[in-house]
N, C-alpha and C. Protein backbone atom coordinates (compact mmCIF):
# COMPACT_ATOMS: atom_id res chain seq x y z
N MET A 1 16.57 -20.36 -0.32
CA MET A 1 15.47 -19.55 -0.82
C MET A 1 15.11 -18.52 0.25
N ASN A 2 14.99 -17.29 -0.15
CA ASN A 2 14.59 -16.20 0.72
C ASN A 2 13.12 -15.89 0.48
N GLN A 3 12.39 -15.66 1.58
CA GLN A 3 10.97 -15.36 1.44
C GLN A 3 10.57 -14.35 2.50
N VAL A 4 9.73 -13.40 2.08
CA VAL A 4 9.17 -12.40 2.98
C VAL A 4 7.67 -12.35 2.74
N GLN A 5 6.90 -12.18 3.83
CA GLN A 5 5.45 -12.19 3.72
C GLN A 5 4.86 -11.04 4.51
N ALA A 6 3.68 -10.59 4.07
CA ALA A 6 2.94 -9.56 4.80
C ALA A 6 1.45 -9.81 4.63
N ARG A 7 0.72 -9.42 5.65
CA ARG A 7 -0.75 -9.39 5.59
C ARG A 7 -1.15 -7.93 5.61
N VAL A 8 -1.84 -7.51 4.56
CA VAL A 8 -2.18 -6.11 4.37
C VAL A 8 -3.69 -5.94 4.51
N SER A 9 -4.12 -5.19 5.50
CA SER A 9 -5.55 -5.01 5.75
C SER A 9 -6.17 -4.07 4.71
N THR A 10 -7.20 -4.58 4.03
CA THR A 10 -8.00 -3.79 3.10
C THR A 10 -9.22 -4.60 2.68
N ALA A 11 -10.34 -3.94 2.58
CA ALA A 11 -11.55 -4.61 2.14
C ALA A 11 -11.62 -4.72 0.61
N HIS A 12 -10.67 -4.11 -0.09
CA HIS A 12 -10.69 -4.07 -1.56
C HIS A 12 -9.53 -4.85 -2.17
N GLY A 13 -8.99 -5.80 -1.44
CA GLY A 13 -7.81 -6.52 -1.89
C GLY A 13 -7.95 -7.23 -3.21
N GLY A 14 -9.08 -7.86 -3.44
CA GLY A 14 -9.27 -8.58 -4.71
C GLY A 14 -9.17 -7.64 -5.90
N LYS A 15 -9.77 -6.48 -5.77
CA LYS A 15 -9.71 -5.48 -6.84
C LYS A 15 -8.26 -5.06 -7.10
N TYR A 16 -7.51 -4.82 -6.03
CA TYR A 16 -6.12 -4.36 -6.18
C TYR A 16 -5.24 -5.44 -6.79
N VAL A 17 -5.43 -6.69 -6.37
CA VAL A 17 -4.65 -7.80 -6.93
C VAL A 17 -4.92 -7.92 -8.42
N GLN A 18 -6.18 -7.86 -8.81
CA GLN A 18 -6.53 -7.98 -10.23
C GLN A 18 -5.95 -6.83 -11.04
N GLN A 19 -6.06 -5.60 -10.53
CA GLN A 19 -5.51 -4.45 -11.25
C GLN A 19 -3.99 -4.56 -11.39
N LEU A 20 -3.34 -4.95 -10.32
CA LEU A 20 -1.88 -5.05 -10.34
C LEU A 20 -1.42 -6.13 -11.31
N CYS A 21 -2.08 -7.26 -11.31
CA CYS A 21 -1.70 -8.34 -12.23
C CYS A 21 -1.91 -7.92 -13.68
N LYS A 22 -3.01 -7.25 -13.95
CA LYS A 22 -3.24 -6.77 -15.32
C LYS A 22 -2.20 -5.74 -15.73
N HIS A 23 -1.80 -4.91 -14.79
CA HIS A 23 -0.76 -3.90 -15.05
C HIS A 23 0.56 -4.57 -15.41
N TRP A 24 0.96 -5.56 -14.61
CA TRP A 24 2.25 -6.21 -14.84
C TRP A 24 2.22 -7.21 -15.99
N ALA A 25 1.05 -7.65 -16.39
CA ALA A 25 0.95 -8.65 -17.46
C ALA A 25 1.48 -8.12 -18.79
N HIS A 26 1.62 -6.81 -18.92
CA HIS A 26 2.15 -6.24 -20.16
C HIS A 26 3.64 -6.50 -20.30
N LYS A 27 4.33 -6.78 -19.17
CA LYS A 27 5.79 -6.94 -19.22
C LYS A 27 6.30 -8.24 -18.60
N LEU A 28 5.47 -8.87 -17.77
CA LEU A 28 5.93 -10.02 -17.00
C LEU A 28 4.94 -11.18 -17.11
N PRO A 29 5.42 -12.42 -16.88
CA PRO A 29 4.49 -13.55 -16.81
C PRO A 29 3.61 -13.42 -15.56
N VAL A 30 2.31 -13.52 -15.76
CA VAL A 30 1.35 -13.36 -14.67
C VAL A 30 0.31 -14.47 -14.75
N GLU A 31 -0.03 -15.00 -13.59
CA GLU A 31 -1.14 -15.95 -13.47
C GLU A 31 -2.17 -15.29 -12.56
N LEU A 32 -3.39 -15.19 -13.02
CA LEU A 32 -4.46 -14.58 -12.23
C LEU A 32 -5.62 -15.54 -12.19
N ASP A 33 -6.03 -15.90 -10.97
CA ASP A 33 -7.17 -16.79 -10.78
C ASP A 33 -8.04 -16.18 -9.69
N GLY A 34 -9.07 -15.46 -10.12
CA GLY A 34 -9.94 -14.78 -9.16
C GLY A 34 -9.17 -13.68 -8.44
N ASP A 35 -9.07 -13.81 -7.13
CA ASP A 35 -8.38 -12.82 -6.31
C ASP A 35 -6.98 -13.26 -5.90
N THR A 36 -6.42 -14.22 -6.66
CA THR A 36 -5.06 -14.70 -6.41
C THR A 36 -4.22 -14.43 -7.65
N GLY A 37 -3.07 -13.80 -7.44
CA GLY A 37 -2.18 -13.50 -8.56
C GLY A 37 -0.75 -13.90 -8.26
N VAL A 38 -0.08 -14.39 -9.28
CA VAL A 38 1.33 -14.76 -9.19
C VAL A 38 2.06 -14.04 -10.31
N VAL A 39 3.06 -13.26 -9.94
CA VAL A 39 3.84 -12.49 -10.91
C VAL A 39 5.28 -12.99 -10.85
N THR A 40 5.81 -13.40 -11.99
CA THR A 40 7.17 -13.92 -12.05
C THR A 40 8.11 -12.84 -12.58
N PHE A 41 8.99 -12.40 -11.71
CA PHE A 41 10.03 -11.44 -12.06
C PHE A 41 11.30 -12.22 -12.36
N VAL A 42 12.31 -11.58 -12.90
CA VAL A 42 13.59 -12.24 -13.11
C VAL A 42 14.19 -12.51 -11.72
N GLY A 43 14.29 -13.77 -11.36
CA GLY A 43 14.92 -14.15 -10.10
C GLY A 43 14.03 -14.14 -8.88
N ALA A 44 12.74 -13.81 -9.01
CA ALA A 44 11.86 -13.79 -7.85
C ALA A 44 10.40 -13.92 -8.29
N VAL A 45 9.56 -14.33 -7.36
CA VAL A 45 8.14 -14.51 -7.63
C VAL A 45 7.34 -13.82 -6.52
N ALA A 46 6.33 -13.05 -6.91
CA ALA A 46 5.43 -12.42 -5.95
C ALA A 46 4.06 -13.09 -6.06
N THR A 47 3.52 -13.49 -4.92
CA THR A 47 2.20 -14.10 -4.87
C THR A 47 1.31 -13.25 -3.99
N MET A 48 0.10 -12.96 -4.47
CA MET A 48 -0.85 -12.14 -3.72
C MET A 48 -2.18 -12.86 -3.69
N LYS A 49 -2.73 -13.03 -2.47
CA LYS A 49 -4.03 -13.68 -2.30
C LYS A 49 -4.89 -12.75 -1.46
N ALA A 50 -6.05 -12.41 -1.99
CA ALA A 50 -6.94 -11.47 -1.30
C ALA A 50 -8.22 -12.16 -0.87
N ASP A 51 -8.76 -11.68 0.25
CA ASP A 51 -10.11 -12.03 0.64
C ASP A 51 -10.79 -10.72 1.03
N GLY A 52 -11.87 -10.76 1.71
CA GLY A 52 -12.60 -9.55 2.03
C GLY A 52 -11.96 -8.67 3.09
N GLU A 53 -10.85 -9.13 3.69
CA GLU A 53 -10.23 -8.38 4.78
C GLU A 53 -8.76 -8.05 4.58
N VAL A 54 -8.03 -8.92 3.87
CA VAL A 54 -6.59 -8.73 3.73
C VAL A 54 -6.10 -9.20 2.36
N ILE A 55 -4.89 -8.72 2.03
CA ILE A 55 -4.12 -9.29 0.93
C ILE A 55 -2.92 -9.97 1.59
N GLU A 56 -2.74 -11.24 1.33
CA GLU A 56 -1.54 -11.94 1.78
C GLU A 56 -0.53 -11.85 0.65
N VAL A 57 0.59 -11.21 0.92
CA VAL A 57 1.63 -10.99 -0.08
C VAL A 57 2.86 -11.81 0.30
N SER A 58 3.41 -12.52 -0.66
CA SER A 58 4.63 -13.29 -0.45
C SER A 58 5.58 -13.02 -1.61
N VAL A 59 6.84 -12.76 -1.29
CA VAL A 59 7.87 -12.58 -2.31
C VAL A 59 8.99 -13.55 -1.98
N ARG A 60 9.38 -14.36 -2.97
CA ARG A 60 10.45 -15.33 -2.72
C ARG A 60 11.42 -15.36 -3.89
N GLY A 61 12.65 -15.61 -3.56
CA GLY A 61 13.70 -15.68 -4.58
C GLY A 61 15.01 -16.08 -3.94
N ASN A 62 16.02 -16.32 -4.75
CA ASN A 62 17.31 -16.78 -4.25
C ASN A 62 18.14 -15.67 -3.62
N ASP A 63 18.04 -14.46 -4.14
CA ASP A 63 18.88 -13.36 -3.68
C ASP A 63 18.13 -12.51 -2.65
N HIS A 64 18.66 -12.44 -1.45
CA HIS A 64 18.02 -11.70 -0.35
C HIS A 64 17.79 -10.24 -0.71
N ASP A 65 18.79 -9.58 -1.26
CA ASP A 65 18.66 -8.16 -1.60
C ASP A 65 17.59 -7.93 -2.65
N GLN A 66 17.52 -8.82 -3.63
CA GLN A 66 16.51 -8.69 -4.68
C GLN A 66 15.10 -8.86 -4.10
N VAL A 67 14.93 -9.83 -3.23
CA VAL A 67 13.63 -10.03 -2.58
C VAL A 67 13.27 -8.81 -1.74
N ASP A 68 14.25 -8.27 -1.04
CA ASP A 68 14.03 -7.08 -0.22
C ASP A 68 13.58 -5.89 -1.08
N GLN A 69 14.21 -5.70 -2.22
CA GLN A 69 13.82 -4.61 -3.12
C GLN A 69 12.45 -4.86 -3.74
N LEU A 70 12.20 -6.09 -4.12
CA LEU A 70 10.94 -6.42 -4.79
C LEU A 70 9.75 -6.26 -3.85
N LYS A 71 9.91 -6.55 -2.58
CA LYS A 71 8.80 -6.37 -1.64
C LYS A 71 8.38 -4.90 -1.60
N ASP A 72 9.35 -4.01 -1.71
CA ASP A 72 9.03 -2.58 -1.73
C ASP A 72 8.35 -2.18 -3.04
N VAL A 73 8.77 -2.77 -4.14
CA VAL A 73 8.14 -2.50 -5.44
C VAL A 73 6.67 -2.95 -5.40
N VAL A 74 6.43 -4.14 -4.87
CA VAL A 74 5.06 -4.65 -4.79
C VAL A 74 4.21 -3.74 -3.91
N ALA A 75 4.73 -3.34 -2.76
CA ALA A 75 3.99 -2.47 -1.85
C ALA A 75 3.66 -1.13 -2.50
N ARG A 76 4.63 -0.54 -3.16
CA ARG A 76 4.38 0.76 -3.83
C ARG A 76 3.31 0.64 -4.90
N HIS A 77 3.33 -0.46 -5.65
CA HIS A 77 2.35 -0.64 -6.71
C HIS A 77 0.95 -0.90 -6.13
N ILE A 78 0.85 -1.69 -5.09
CA ILE A 78 -0.46 -1.89 -4.46
C ILE A 78 -0.99 -0.56 -3.95
N ASP A 79 -0.12 0.23 -3.32
CA ASP A 79 -0.55 1.54 -2.81
C ASP A 79 -1.03 2.47 -3.92
N ARG A 80 -0.46 2.35 -5.11
CA ARG A 80 -0.92 3.16 -6.24
C ARG A 80 -2.38 2.87 -6.57
N PHE A 81 -2.72 1.59 -6.57
CA PHE A 81 -4.10 1.21 -6.87
C PHE A 81 -5.02 1.46 -5.69
N ALA A 82 -4.46 1.48 -4.49
CA ALA A 82 -5.24 1.72 -3.27
C ALA A 82 -5.11 3.17 -2.83
N PHE A 83 -4.97 4.09 -3.77
CA PHE A 83 -4.66 5.48 -3.45
C PHE A 83 -5.66 6.12 -2.50
N ARG A 84 -6.90 5.68 -2.50
CA ARG A 84 -7.89 6.28 -1.60
C ARG A 84 -7.64 5.92 -0.14
N GLU A 85 -6.98 4.80 0.10
CA GLU A 85 -6.71 4.38 1.47
C GLU A 85 -5.22 4.21 1.76
N ALA A 86 -4.38 4.56 0.81
CA ALA A 86 -2.93 4.41 0.97
C ALA A 86 -2.38 5.53 1.85
N PRO A 87 -1.26 5.30 2.47
CA PRO A 87 -0.47 4.07 2.37
C PRO A 87 -1.03 2.99 3.28
N LEU A 88 -1.07 1.77 2.75
CA LEU A 88 -1.48 0.63 3.55
C LEU A 88 -0.31 0.21 4.45
N THR A 89 -0.62 -0.61 5.44
CA THR A 89 0.40 -1.07 6.38
C THR A 89 0.91 -2.44 5.97
N TYR A 90 2.22 -2.55 5.81
CA TYR A 90 2.87 -3.81 5.43
C TYR A 90 3.81 -4.20 6.56
N ASP A 91 3.45 -5.24 7.30
CA ASP A 91 4.31 -5.76 8.36
C ASP A 91 5.02 -6.99 7.80
N TRP A 92 6.17 -6.76 7.19
CA TRP A 92 6.90 -7.82 6.51
C TRP A 92 7.58 -8.73 7.52
N VAL A 93 7.47 -10.04 7.28
CA VAL A 93 8.09 -11.06 8.13
C VAL A 93 8.91 -11.97 7.23
N TRP A 94 10.19 -12.10 7.55
CA TRP A 94 11.07 -12.99 6.79
C TRP A 94 10.90 -14.39 7.32
N GLY A 95 10.87 -15.35 6.39
CA GLY A 95 10.71 -16.73 6.81
C GLY A 95 11.39 -17.70 5.92
């Protein structure tokens, strides 16, 4: 299993997670519980947990290249909703 994680500084993380999950819910299975969202893509899962300071983003899946591409998709989409403060900083760590 391949996994990459980032902590993204923003005071509006809960709002962004909720907007992103609602956006993707039209096409993908999504679980949203408060400021925590899980989006299931084909072959990978993105988990986002927000508090008042950061969004913790995790992307995991079997294929390294797919996880690598999906982390960029997630970051671009978060930045779309965070347009007033984008681009946010994503320090991705593989684990």
